Every structure is written in C-alpha cells, then in structure tokens.
N, C-alpha and C. Protein backbone atom coordinates (compact mmCIF):
# COMPACT_ATOMS: atom_id res chain seq x y z
N ASN A 1 0.84 -1.19 0.00
CA ASN A 1 0.00 0.00 0.00
C ASN A 1 0.88 1.25 0.00
N SER A 2 0.45 2.24 -0.71
CA SER A 2 1.19 3.51 -0.76
C SER A 2 0.24 4.65 -0.48
N ILE A 3 0.80 5.73 0.00
CA ILE A 3 0.01 6.92 0.33
C ILE A 3 0.25 7.97 -0.74
N LEU A 4 -0.83 8.47 -1.30
CA LEU A 4 -0.75 9.49 -2.34
C LEU A 4 -1.26 10.81 -1.78
N LYS A 5 -0.40 11.82 -1.81
CA LYS A 5 -0.81 13.14 -1.33
C LYS A 5 -1.53 13.87 -2.46
N LEU A 6 -2.78 14.21 -2.22
CA LEU A 6 -3.57 14.90 -3.23
C LEU A 6 -3.47 16.41 -3.09
N GLY A 7 -3.10 16.89 -1.94
CA GLY A 7 -3.00 18.33 -1.74
C GLY A 7 -3.07 18.69 -0.28
N ASP A 8 -2.97 19.95 0.00
CA ASP A 8 -3.07 20.47 1.36
C ASP A 8 -4.43 21.12 1.56
N ILE A 9 -4.97 20.98 2.75
CA ILE A 9 -6.23 21.61 3.11
C ILE A 9 -5.94 22.70 4.13
N GLN A 10 -6.36 23.89 3.85
CA GLN A 10 -6.18 25.01 4.75
C GLN A 10 -7.52 25.40 5.36
N PHE A 11 -7.52 25.59 6.69
CA PHE A 11 -8.72 26.00 7.40
C PHE A 11 -8.53 27.43 7.89
N HIS A 12 -9.51 28.25 7.66
CA HIS A 12 -9.48 29.64 8.10
C HIS A 12 -10.60 29.86 9.12
N ILE A 13 -10.17 30.13 10.35
CA ILE A 13 -11.13 30.36 11.43
C ILE A 13 -11.25 31.86 11.64
N PRO A 14 -12.45 32.40 11.68
CA PRO A 14 -12.62 33.85 11.87
C PRO A 14 -11.96 34.32 13.17
N GLU A 15 -11.46 35.56 13.15
CA GLU A 15 -10.79 36.10 14.33
C GLU A 15 -11.73 36.20 15.52
N ASP A 16 -13.03 36.35 15.27
CA ASP A 16 -13.98 36.47 16.38
C ASP A 16 -14.53 35.12 16.82
N TYR A 17 -13.89 34.02 16.35
CA TYR A 17 -14.34 32.69 16.77
C TYR A 17 -14.15 32.58 18.28
N PRO A 18 -15.16 32.11 19.02
CA PRO A 18 -15.10 32.17 20.50
C PRO A 18 -14.09 31.22 21.14
N GLY A 19 -13.68 30.17 20.47
CA GLY A 19 -12.79 29.19 21.09
C GLY A 19 -11.40 29.23 20.50
N SER A 20 -10.48 28.46 21.09
CA SER A 20 -9.11 28.38 20.60
C SER A 20 -8.90 27.18 19.69
N SER A 21 -9.93 26.33 19.53
CA SER A 21 -9.84 25.16 18.67
C SER A 21 -11.19 24.93 18.01
N ALA A 22 -11.18 24.08 16.99
CA ALA A 22 -12.42 23.78 16.28
C ALA A 22 -12.34 22.35 15.78
N SER A 23 -13.50 21.80 15.36
CA SER A 23 -13.57 20.44 14.85
C SER A 23 -14.22 20.48 13.48
N ILE A 24 -13.59 19.84 12.50
CA ILE A 24 -14.09 19.80 11.13
C ILE A 24 -14.52 18.38 10.81
N ALA A 25 -15.73 18.23 10.24
CA ALA A 25 -16.26 16.91 9.88
C ALA A 25 -16.07 16.66 8.40
N PHE A 26 -15.61 15.45 8.05
CA PHE A 26 -15.47 15.03 6.66
C PHE A 26 -16.47 13.91 6.41
N ASN A 27 -17.22 14.03 5.30
CA ASN A 27 -18.21 13.02 4.93
C ASN A 27 -17.80 12.33 3.63
N ASN A 28 -18.31 11.11 3.45
CA ASN A 28 -18.09 10.36 2.21
C ASN A 28 -16.60 10.23 1.88
N ILE A 29 -15.85 9.65 2.80
CA ILE A 29 -14.43 9.43 2.58
C ILE A 29 -14.25 8.34 1.53
N GLN A 30 -13.46 8.63 0.51
CA GLN A 30 -13.29 7.69 -0.60
C GLN A 30 -11.90 7.07 -0.57
N LEU A 31 -11.83 5.77 -0.85
CA LEU A 31 -10.57 5.04 -0.95
C LEU A 31 -10.22 4.93 -2.43
N LEU A 32 -9.03 5.41 -2.79
CA LEU A 32 -8.63 5.46 -4.18
C LEU A 32 -7.60 4.38 -4.48
N ALA A 33 -7.66 3.85 -5.69
CA ALA A 33 -6.63 2.98 -6.25
C ALA A 33 -6.26 3.60 -7.59
N GLY A 34 -5.17 4.34 -7.59
CA GLY A 34 -4.86 5.11 -8.78
C GLY A 34 -5.87 6.23 -8.94
N ASN A 35 -6.54 6.28 -10.07
CA ASN A 35 -7.59 7.27 -10.29
C ASN A 35 -8.98 6.70 -10.06
N ASN A 36 -9.05 5.46 -9.59
CA ASN A 36 -10.34 4.79 -9.43
C ASN A 36 -10.77 4.77 -7.98
N VAL A 37 -12.06 5.05 -7.74
CA VAL A 37 -12.63 4.97 -6.41
C VAL A 37 -13.06 3.54 -6.17
N ILE A 38 -12.43 2.88 -5.18
CA ILE A 38 -12.75 1.47 -4.94
C ILE A 38 -13.63 1.28 -3.71
N ASP A 39 -13.76 2.32 -2.89
CA ASP A 39 -14.62 2.18 -1.72
C ASP A 39 -14.98 3.58 -1.21
N THR A 40 -16.18 3.69 -0.66
CA THR A 40 -16.64 4.94 -0.09
C THR A 40 -17.23 4.67 1.28
N SER A 41 -16.80 5.44 2.27
CA SER A 41 -17.30 5.26 3.62
C SER A 41 -18.32 6.36 3.91
N SER A 42 -19.39 5.99 4.52
CA SER A 42 -20.42 6.96 4.88
C SER A 42 -20.20 7.54 6.27
N LYS A 43 -19.15 7.06 6.94
CA LYS A 43 -18.89 7.53 8.30
C LYS A 43 -18.26 8.93 8.26
N GLN A 44 -18.55 9.68 9.28
CA GLN A 44 -17.93 10.98 9.42
C GLN A 44 -16.60 10.87 10.17
N ILE A 45 -15.64 11.62 9.70
CA ILE A 45 -14.34 11.71 10.38
C ILE A 45 -14.15 13.14 10.86
N PHE A 46 -13.88 13.26 12.14
CA PHE A 46 -13.69 14.59 12.73
C PHE A 46 -12.20 14.87 12.91
N VAL A 47 -11.79 16.03 12.50
CA VAL A 47 -10.40 16.47 12.65
C VAL A 47 -10.40 17.71 13.53
N ASP A 48 -9.69 17.61 14.63
CA ASP A 48 -9.58 18.76 15.54
C ASP A 48 -8.42 19.64 15.08
N ILE A 49 -8.65 20.92 15.03
CA ILE A 49 -7.60 21.87 14.67
C ILE A 49 -7.49 22.92 15.76
N GLU A 50 -6.28 23.37 15.98
CA GLU A 50 -6.00 24.39 16.98
C GLU A 50 -5.21 25.52 16.35
N ALA A 51 -5.34 26.69 16.92
CA ALA A 51 -4.56 27.83 16.45
C ALA A 51 -3.08 27.60 16.75
N LYS A 52 -2.21 28.08 15.85
CA LYS A 52 -0.77 27.94 16.06
C LYS A 52 -0.36 28.78 17.26
N ALA A 53 0.40 28.19 18.16
CA ALA A 53 0.81 28.90 19.37
C ALA A 53 2.13 28.35 19.87
N ALA A 54 2.89 29.19 20.54
CA ALA A 54 4.16 28.75 21.14
C ALA A 54 3.87 27.78 22.28
N GLN A 55 4.57 26.66 22.28
CA GLN A 55 4.35 25.64 23.30
C GLN A 55 5.57 25.43 24.19
N TYR A 56 6.77 25.49 23.58
CA TYR A 56 8.01 25.33 24.34
C TYR A 56 8.92 26.52 24.05
N LEU A 57 9.73 26.86 25.03
CA LEU A 57 10.62 28.01 24.89
C LEU A 57 11.97 27.69 25.49
N ALA A 58 13.02 27.85 24.69
CA ALA A 58 14.40 27.70 25.17
C ALA A 58 15.05 29.08 25.19
N ILE A 59 15.80 29.36 26.24
CA ILE A 59 16.38 30.69 26.44
C ILE A 59 17.90 30.55 26.51
N THR A 60 18.60 31.42 25.78
CA THR A 60 20.05 31.32 25.75
C THR A 60 20.67 32.70 25.53
N SER A 61 21.99 32.75 25.61
CA SER A 61 22.73 33.97 25.38
C SER A 61 24.00 33.63 24.62
N ARG A 62 24.33 34.45 23.63
CA ARG A 62 25.56 34.24 22.88
C ARG A 62 26.75 34.89 23.56
N ARG A 63 26.50 35.63 24.61
CA ARG A 63 27.59 36.34 25.31
C ARG A 63 27.41 36.16 26.81
N PRO A 64 27.80 35.00 27.35
CA PRO A 64 27.59 34.75 28.77
C PRO A 64 28.65 35.39 29.68
N GLU A 65 29.68 36.02 29.09
CA GLU A 65 30.69 36.71 29.89
C GLU A 65 30.71 38.19 29.52
N LEU A 66 30.70 39.05 30.53
CA LEU A 66 30.74 40.49 30.31
C LEU A 66 31.86 41.12 31.12
N VAL A 67 32.61 42.02 30.50
CA VAL A 67 33.63 42.80 31.19
C VAL A 67 33.06 44.21 31.38
N ASN A 68 33.00 44.66 32.62
CA ASN A 68 32.39 45.96 32.91
C ASN A 68 33.38 47.08 32.59
N THR A 69 33.57 47.29 31.29
CA THR A 69 34.45 48.38 30.85
C THR A 69 33.80 49.74 31.01
N ALA A 70 32.54 49.77 31.47
CA ALA A 70 31.89 51.06 31.72
C ALA A 70 32.63 51.86 32.78
N HIS A 71 33.36 51.18 33.66
CA HIS A 71 34.16 51.90 34.67
C HIS A 71 35.35 52.61 34.03
N LEU A 72 35.68 52.24 32.79
CA LEU A 72 36.81 52.87 32.11
C LEU A 72 36.36 53.96 31.14
N ASN A 73 35.22 53.73 30.45
CA ASN A 73 34.80 54.70 29.43
C ASN A 73 33.39 55.25 29.64
N GLY A 74 32.69 54.77 30.68
CA GLY A 74 31.36 55.28 30.98
C GLY A 74 30.25 54.71 30.12
N LEU A 75 30.55 53.80 29.19
CA LEU A 75 29.54 53.24 28.28
C LEU A 75 29.07 51.88 28.78
N PRO A 76 27.74 51.67 28.92
CA PRO A 76 27.24 50.37 29.37
C PRO A 76 27.50 49.28 28.35
N VAL A 77 27.58 48.05 28.82
CA VAL A 77 27.81 46.88 27.97
C VAL A 77 26.58 45.99 28.05
N PHE A 78 26.07 45.54 26.89
CA PHE A 78 24.86 44.75 26.84
C PHE A 78 25.13 43.35 26.30
N SER A 79 24.31 42.41 26.73
CA SER A 79 24.31 41.06 26.19
C SER A 79 22.86 40.66 25.92
N THR A 80 22.51 40.47 24.66
CA THR A 80 21.13 40.18 24.26
C THR A 80 20.72 38.78 24.70
N ILE A 81 19.49 38.65 25.15
CA ILE A 81 18.90 37.36 25.50
C ILE A 81 18.14 36.85 24.28
N TYR A 82 18.35 35.59 23.92
CA TYR A 82 17.72 34.99 22.75
C TYR A 82 16.70 33.93 23.20
N TYR A 83 15.60 33.86 22.45
CA TYR A 83 14.52 32.93 22.75
C TYR A 83 14.25 32.06 21.53
N ILE A 84 14.31 30.74 21.71
CA ILE A 84 14.00 29.79 20.65
C ILE A 84 12.64 29.18 20.96
N THR A 85 11.70 29.30 20.02
CA THR A 85 10.33 28.84 20.27
C THR A 85 10.03 27.58 19.48
N PHE A 86 9.30 26.68 20.11
CA PHE A 86 8.80 25.47 19.48
C PHE A 86 7.28 25.56 19.52
N ASP A 87 6.66 25.61 18.34
CA ASP A 87 5.20 25.75 18.27
C ASP A 87 4.51 24.41 18.41
N ASN A 88 3.18 24.46 18.58
CA ASN A 88 2.41 23.23 18.75
C ASN A 88 2.28 22.43 17.46
N ASP A 89 2.75 22.98 16.33
CA ASP A 89 2.78 22.18 15.10
C ASP A 89 4.17 21.60 14.85
N ILE A 90 5.01 21.63 15.90
CA ILE A 90 6.34 21.03 15.91
C ILE A 90 7.33 21.81 15.04
N SER A 91 6.94 22.94 14.53
CA SER A 91 7.90 23.74 13.79
C SER A 91 8.80 24.50 14.77
N VAL A 92 9.99 24.83 14.32
CA VAL A 92 10.97 25.51 15.17
C VAL A 92 11.37 26.81 14.50
N LEU A 93 11.27 27.91 15.23
CA LEU A 93 11.74 29.18 14.71
C LEU A 93 13.25 29.27 14.89
N ASP A 94 13.93 29.87 13.92
CA ASP A 94 15.38 30.01 14.01
C ASP A 94 15.77 30.85 15.21
N LEU A 95 17.00 30.65 15.65
CA LEU A 95 17.55 31.47 16.72
C LEU A 95 17.62 32.90 16.24
N SER A 96 16.80 33.75 16.79
CA SER A 96 16.73 35.12 16.32
C SER A 96 16.70 36.07 17.51
N GLU A 97 17.16 37.27 17.26
CA GLU A 97 17.27 38.25 18.32
C GLU A 97 15.90 38.67 18.81
N ASN A 98 15.65 38.42 20.09
CA ASN A 98 14.41 38.85 20.73
C ASN A 98 13.16 38.40 19.99
N SER A 99 13.14 37.13 19.53
CA SER A 99 11.94 36.64 18.86
C SER A 99 10.77 36.58 19.84
N TYR A 100 11.06 36.38 21.10
CA TYR A 100 10.06 36.46 22.16
C TYR A 100 10.70 37.16 23.35
N PRO A 101 10.02 37.94 24.12
CA PRO A 101 8.62 38.34 23.95
C PRO A 101 8.45 39.18 22.67
N GLY A 102 7.33 39.05 22.04
CA GLY A 102 7.09 39.75 20.79
C GLY A 102 5.61 39.78 20.47
N ASN A 103 5.30 39.86 19.21
CA ASN A 103 3.90 40.00 18.80
C ASN A 103 3.08 38.75 19.07
N ASP A 104 3.75 37.59 19.13
CA ASP A 104 2.99 36.35 19.29
C ASP A 104 2.71 36.00 20.74
N LEU A 105 3.29 36.73 21.66
CA LEU A 105 3.02 36.49 23.08
C LEU A 105 2.57 37.80 23.71
N ALA A 106 1.47 37.76 24.42
CA ALA A 106 0.97 38.98 25.06
C ALA A 106 1.87 39.34 26.24
N THR A 107 2.18 40.59 26.38
CA THR A 107 3.04 41.07 27.46
C THR A 107 2.23 41.15 28.77
N PRO A 108 2.76 40.78 29.92
CA PRO A 108 4.07 40.16 30.06
C PRO A 108 3.97 38.64 29.99
N ASP A 109 4.85 38.02 29.21
CA ASP A 109 4.83 36.58 29.06
C ASP A 109 6.05 35.90 29.66
N ILE A 110 7.13 36.67 29.80
CA ILE A 110 8.34 36.14 30.41
C ILE A 110 8.71 37.02 31.60
N ASP A 111 8.86 36.40 32.74
CA ASP A 111 9.35 37.10 33.92
C ASP A 111 10.80 36.70 34.15
N CYS A 112 11.63 37.65 34.55
CA CYS A 112 13.03 37.34 34.80
C CYS A 112 13.50 38.07 36.04
N SER A 113 14.49 37.50 36.69
CA SER A 113 15.02 38.10 37.91
C SER A 113 16.47 37.66 38.08
N ILE A 114 17.22 38.46 38.84
CA ILE A 114 18.62 38.16 39.13
C ILE A 114 18.72 37.56 40.52
N GLU A 115 19.36 36.41 40.59
CA GLU A 115 19.55 35.77 41.88
C GLU A 115 20.66 36.50 42.65
N GLY A 116 20.44 36.73 43.93
CA GLY A 116 21.46 37.38 44.74
C GLY A 116 21.22 38.86 44.89
N THR A 117 22.31 39.60 45.14
CA THR A 117 22.19 41.03 45.46
C THR A 117 21.95 41.90 44.25
N GLY A 118 22.34 41.44 43.06
CA GLY A 118 22.14 42.23 41.86
C GLY A 118 23.08 43.41 41.71
N ASP A 119 24.26 43.36 42.35
CA ASP A 119 25.20 44.47 42.26
C ASP A 119 26.20 44.29 41.13
N ALA A 120 26.04 43.22 40.32
CA ALA A 120 26.98 42.98 39.23
C ALA A 120 26.33 43.05 37.86
N LEU A 121 25.01 42.92 37.81
CA LEU A 121 24.32 42.79 36.52
C LEU A 121 22.94 43.42 36.61
N LYS A 122 22.45 43.97 35.48
CA LYS A 122 21.11 44.53 35.41
C LYS A 122 20.32 43.86 34.29
N LEU A 123 18.99 43.84 34.43
CA LEU A 123 18.10 43.34 33.39
C LEU A 123 17.39 44.51 32.74
N THR A 124 17.32 44.50 31.40
CA THR A 124 16.58 45.53 30.70
C THR A 124 15.08 45.19 30.73
N PRO A 125 14.20 46.16 30.44
CA PRO A 125 12.75 45.89 30.45
C PRO A 125 12.38 44.75 29.50
N ASN A 126 11.36 43.99 29.89
CA ASN A 126 10.84 42.87 29.10
C ASN A 126 11.84 41.74 28.90
N CYS A 127 12.88 41.70 29.73
CA CYS A 127 13.85 40.60 29.69
C CYS A 127 14.53 40.47 28.33
N LEU A 128 14.83 41.58 27.70
CA LEU A 128 15.43 41.55 26.37
C LEU A 128 16.95 41.41 26.41
N ALA A 129 17.59 41.84 27.50
CA ALA A 129 19.06 41.79 27.58
C ALA A 129 19.48 41.99 29.02
N VAL A 130 20.76 41.70 29.29
CA VAL A 130 21.39 42.05 30.56
C VAL A 130 22.45 43.10 30.25
N SER A 131 22.83 43.86 31.26
CA SER A 131 23.81 44.92 31.02
C SER A 131 24.64 45.18 32.27
N VAL A 132 25.79 45.81 32.06
CA VAL A 132 26.62 46.30 33.16
C VAL A 132 26.90 47.78 32.88
N ASP A 133 27.03 48.58 33.96
CA ASP A 133 27.28 50.01 33.82
C ASP A 133 28.11 50.50 35.00
N PRO A 134 28.47 51.80 35.02
CA PRO A 134 29.35 52.30 36.09
C PRO A 134 28.76 52.21 37.50
N SER A 135 27.44 52.08 37.61
CA SER A 135 26.83 52.02 38.95
C SER A 135 27.00 50.65 39.60
N LEU A 136 27.40 49.65 38.84
CA LEU A 136 27.55 48.29 39.36
C LEU A 136 28.99 48.04 39.78
N THR A 137 29.15 47.44 40.92
CA THR A 137 30.49 47.21 41.45
C THR A 137 30.80 45.74 41.69
N GLY A 138 29.82 44.87 41.51
CA GLY A 138 30.04 43.45 41.77
C GLY A 138 30.68 42.74 40.59
N ASN A 139 31.11 41.51 40.84
CA ASN A 139 31.70 40.68 39.79
C ASN A 139 31.50 39.22 40.15
N GLY A 140 31.88 38.35 39.23
CA GLY A 140 31.76 36.92 39.48
C GLY A 140 30.57 36.31 38.77
N GLN A 141 30.15 35.13 39.25
CA GLN A 141 29.06 34.37 38.63
C GLN A 141 27.71 34.94 39.04
N VAL A 142 26.84 35.16 38.06
CA VAL A 142 25.50 35.69 38.30
C VAL A 142 24.49 34.81 37.59
N LEU A 143 23.42 34.45 38.29
CA LEU A 143 22.38 33.59 37.73
C LEU A 143 21.13 34.41 37.47
N VAL A 144 20.62 34.36 36.22
CA VAL A 144 19.38 35.03 35.84
C VAL A 144 18.31 33.95 35.66
N SER A 145 17.20 34.08 36.38
CA SER A 145 16.12 33.08 36.34
C SER A 145 14.96 33.60 35.51
N PHE A 146 14.26 32.66 34.84
CA PHE A 146 13.14 32.98 33.97
C PHE A 146 11.93 32.13 34.36
N SER A 147 10.74 32.70 34.15
CA SER A 147 9.49 31.97 34.37
C SER A 147 8.44 32.56 33.45
N SER A 148 7.35 31.84 33.28
CA SER A 148 6.26 32.31 32.43
C SER A 148 4.94 32.12 33.15
N PRO A 149 4.08 33.16 33.16
CA PRO A 149 2.76 33.02 33.78
C PRO A 149 1.80 32.20 32.93
N GLN A 150 2.17 31.89 31.69
CA GLN A 150 1.30 31.11 30.82
C GLN A 150 1.45 29.63 31.13
N SER A 151 0.37 28.99 31.52
CA SER A 151 0.43 27.56 31.82
C SER A 151 0.65 26.73 30.56
N SER A 152 0.31 27.27 29.39
CA SER A 152 0.47 26.53 28.14
C SER A 152 1.88 26.61 27.58
N LEU A 153 2.73 27.47 28.16
CA LEU A 153 4.09 27.64 27.67
C LEU A 153 5.08 26.98 28.62
N THR A 154 5.82 26.00 28.12
CA THR A 154 6.78 25.27 28.93
C THR A 154 8.19 25.77 28.63
N LEU A 155 8.91 26.17 29.67
CA LEU A 155 10.29 26.61 29.51
C LEU A 155 11.22 25.41 29.56
N LEU A 156 12.04 25.25 28.53
CA LEU A 156 12.97 24.13 28.49
C LEU A 156 14.17 24.36 29.40
N ASN A 157 14.47 25.61 29.70
CA ASN A 157 15.46 25.92 30.73
C ASN A 157 14.99 27.18 31.46
N THR A 158 15.32 27.29 32.71
CA THR A 158 14.78 28.37 33.54
C THR A 158 15.84 29.34 34.03
N ASN A 159 17.08 29.20 33.60
CA ASN A 159 18.10 30.16 34.03
C ASN A 159 19.26 30.20 33.04
N ILE A 160 19.98 31.31 33.08
CA ILE A 160 21.22 31.50 32.32
C ILE A 160 22.29 31.98 33.30
N SER A 161 23.47 31.39 33.21
CA SER A 161 24.57 31.77 34.08
C SER A 161 25.50 32.72 33.34
N TYR A 162 25.76 33.89 33.95
CA TYR A 162 26.68 34.88 33.39
C TYR A 162 27.89 35.01 34.31
N HIS A 163 28.99 35.44 33.73
CA HIS A 163 30.17 35.77 34.54
C HIS A 163 30.55 37.21 34.23
N VAL A 164 30.64 38.03 35.28
CA VAL A 164 30.95 39.44 35.14
C VAL A 164 32.37 39.68 35.63
N TRP A 165 33.15 40.37 34.79
CA TRP A 165 34.53 40.72 35.15
C TRP A 165 34.59 42.22 35.41
N MET A 166 35.33 42.59 36.44
CA MET A 166 35.44 43.99 36.82
C MET A 166 36.90 44.45 36.72
N PRO A 167 37.19 45.52 35.94
CA PRO A 167 38.57 46.03 35.90
C PRO A 167 38.96 46.64 37.25
N ILE A 168 40.19 46.45 37.65
CA ILE A 168 40.66 46.98 38.92
C ILE A 168 41.97 47.73 38.69
N ASP A 169 42.31 48.59 39.62
CA ASP A 169 43.58 49.31 39.56
C ASP A 169 44.71 48.40 40.00
N ILE A 170 45.79 48.42 39.24
CA ILE A 170 46.96 47.61 39.59
C ILE A 170 48.21 48.48 39.45
N ASN A 171 49.28 48.07 40.12
CA ASN A 171 50.58 48.72 40.02
C ASN A 171 51.55 47.79 39.31
N LEU A 172 52.22 48.33 38.28
CA LEU A 172 53.24 47.58 37.56
C LEU A 172 54.62 48.07 37.98
N ASN A 173 55.43 47.16 38.41
CA ASN A 173 56.80 47.50 38.80
C ASN A 173 57.78 46.79 37.87
N VAL A 174 58.82 47.49 37.45
CA VAL A 174 59.83 46.92 36.57
C VAL A 174 61.17 46.94 37.29
N SER A 175 61.90 45.85 37.19
CA SER A 175 63.16 45.75 37.91
C SER A 175 64.25 46.65 37.31
N ASP A 176 64.17 46.90 36.02
CA ASP A 176 65.16 47.77 35.37
C ASP A 176 64.42 48.58 34.31
N ASP A 177 64.35 49.89 34.50
CA ASP A 177 63.57 50.71 33.58
C ASP A 177 64.43 51.33 32.47
N LYS A 178 65.69 50.95 32.38
CA LYS A 178 66.56 51.44 31.32
C LYS A 178 67.29 50.26 30.71
N LEU A 179 66.90 49.92 29.47
CA LEU A 179 67.47 48.76 28.79
C LEU A 179 68.36 49.22 27.64
N SER A 180 69.49 48.57 27.52
CA SER A 180 70.48 48.95 26.50
C SER A 180 70.76 47.76 25.60
N PRO A 181 71.24 48.04 24.37
CA PRO A 181 71.63 46.92 23.49
C PRO A 181 72.84 46.19 24.05
N VAL A 182 72.89 44.90 23.78
CA VAL A 182 74.01 44.07 24.23
C VAL A 182 75.07 44.07 23.14
N GLU A 183 76.23 44.56 23.47
CA GLU A 183 77.29 44.71 22.48
C GLU A 183 77.70 43.36 21.90
N GLY A 184 77.72 43.30 20.58
CA GLY A 184 78.15 42.09 19.89
C GLY A 184 77.10 41.00 19.81
N TRP A 185 75.88 41.28 20.29
CA TRP A 185 74.80 40.26 20.28
C TRP A 185 73.71 40.72 19.32
N LYS A 186 73.54 39.99 18.24
CA LYS A 186 72.57 40.33 17.21
C LYS A 186 71.41 39.32 17.21
N GLN A 187 70.27 39.77 16.70
CA GLN A 187 69.12 38.88 16.49
C GLN A 187 69.15 38.40 15.05
N GLY A 188 68.98 37.11 14.84
CA GLY A 188 68.99 36.57 13.48
C GLY A 188 70.31 35.93 13.15
N ASP A 189 70.41 35.54 11.85
CA ASP A 189 71.58 34.78 11.41
C ASP A 189 72.68 35.65 10.83
N SER A 190 72.31 36.88 10.42
CA SER A 190 73.31 37.73 9.77
C SER A 190 73.98 38.63 10.80
N CYS A 191 75.29 38.70 10.75
CA CYS A 191 76.03 39.55 11.69
C CYS A 191 75.99 41.02 11.29
N PHE A 192 75.57 41.29 10.05
CA PHE A 192 75.58 42.67 9.57
C PHE A 192 74.18 43.27 9.47
N ASP A 193 73.18 42.48 9.00
CA ASP A 193 71.84 43.01 8.77
C ASP A 193 70.89 42.80 9.95
N SER A 194 71.23 41.94 10.89
CA SER A 194 70.31 41.64 11.99
C SER A 194 70.31 42.78 13.01
N PRO A 195 69.14 43.06 13.63
CA PRO A 195 69.09 44.13 14.65
C PRO A 195 69.79 43.72 15.93
N ASP A 196 70.11 44.74 16.73
CA ASP A 196 70.76 44.48 18.01
C ASP A 196 69.81 43.77 18.97
N SER A 197 70.37 42.99 19.85
CA SER A 197 69.61 42.40 20.95
C SER A 197 69.72 43.30 22.17
N TYR A 198 68.62 43.40 22.93
CA TYR A 198 68.59 44.30 24.09
C TYR A 198 68.48 43.50 25.38
N GLN A 199 68.81 44.17 26.43
CA GLN A 199 68.63 43.59 27.76
C GLN A 199 67.12 43.39 28.02
N THR A 200 66.81 42.55 28.95
CA THR A 200 65.41 42.30 29.34
C THR A 200 65.21 42.71 30.80
N SER A 201 63.96 42.90 31.16
CA SER A 201 63.62 43.29 32.53
C SER A 201 62.34 42.56 32.95
N ARG A 202 62.18 42.34 34.23
CA ARG A 202 61.05 41.59 34.75
C ARG A 202 60.01 42.57 35.32
N PHE A 203 58.73 42.31 34.99
CA PHE A 203 57.60 43.07 35.53
C PHE A 203 56.98 42.32 36.70
N THR A 204 56.54 43.04 37.67
CA THR A 204 55.74 42.45 38.75
C THR A 204 54.45 43.27 38.89
N VAL A 205 53.36 42.59 39.25
CA VAL A 205 52.05 43.23 39.37
C VAL A 205 51.62 43.19 40.83
N GLU A 206 51.17 44.34 41.32
CA GLU A 206 50.71 44.41 42.72
C GLU A 206 49.27 44.90 42.74
C-alpha cells in the first residue's frame, strides 16, 4: 500500500471565533486505487484543529561573559537574550534576536530576575538583555532566572549563568627601567643586517 498526497487543506477560522480550537467533519471518505474509487465510507471523520501557538521556549545567550568596561569609558555593555520557540505544530523558529517576547506572546509573558544582590548585573525591560554600567560594582558568577505566567508555555530551561569581570587598579613594577643593546649580540643569522639584541627586565604586578 502507498500513500498518495492529493494536496493540502487550509482552514481559516474567523478572528472572532469564540474558542481556541475547532472540529471539522469530513463526509463520504473515498478510498482510491490510482484514479479509481474502490470504496466509499459513509462515516464521518472529525479532525480537531487548533490555532498555532508557542508551546516550548528555550532561552540562551551568545555572550555569557561580560567585562564591565563602563568603569573605564562610561559606556554600558549589553548582552542580548535569545529565545527559541517550538510551536504546537512542531515547527521551530530560528535562533533570532528577541523573537520572544514579541507579537505572538501577550506582554508580560516572560518574567526574569537576578539571583542574589544584583550588584553585578542589570536586566533591561521585558527581559530583552542584561547589562553592566558604572553604577555596578560586583563581579563573578551571576544567575538570571526565567518563568512564564502562561500555563500553556513550557520553559525548556529556567536560568542562564553569566560571569561578570570587573577592571581593577593595579601597580606595575619593573626591575630595570633602562634597557640597553648588548654589544656584539645580534638577532637573526646575519652579523651585519640583523638588529641588536637588548637587555630584558622583569615586571611584577601588585
């Protein structure tokens, strides 16, 4: 036995339809053999259809490490949060910037919060990104948690771990701050064309 696809059937439900799903009845189902009808059933077959909706949500970040260079130049640093959606028709939307929350989910659909004191990382409105700025002084590992008030939306992961680095003042000390060429010592194989070799010095960081 083989299955022959005759075409696609599209159902259009009015926007003012009171429910989120509908049932369509098919009558006089015919069994085909090539172009010939070999059997006809008088039974009705009901097909349930539902509106396309997000069912699963995966949350990720392409930049899980941030260096708070805002303390050096005053400019905040952002890391975009990405949402991958799996619809109830098993289709998958590509990894795209801020695909959710968006037009397909009523606001607010994603809740987010920072675990701990929140002195190292900030969340932008609607959970679109995290950021660091000059007002933040913390560093280290930071966990951002996510949840959804929609019972029909399942989160495949509920947190993202970030690491925040903070620039600090350091002192560089050099053991010899005046270096001279070493007489008779050249770099390279040629005694005439090779540049002079210089003394070296050791740095220490405090």
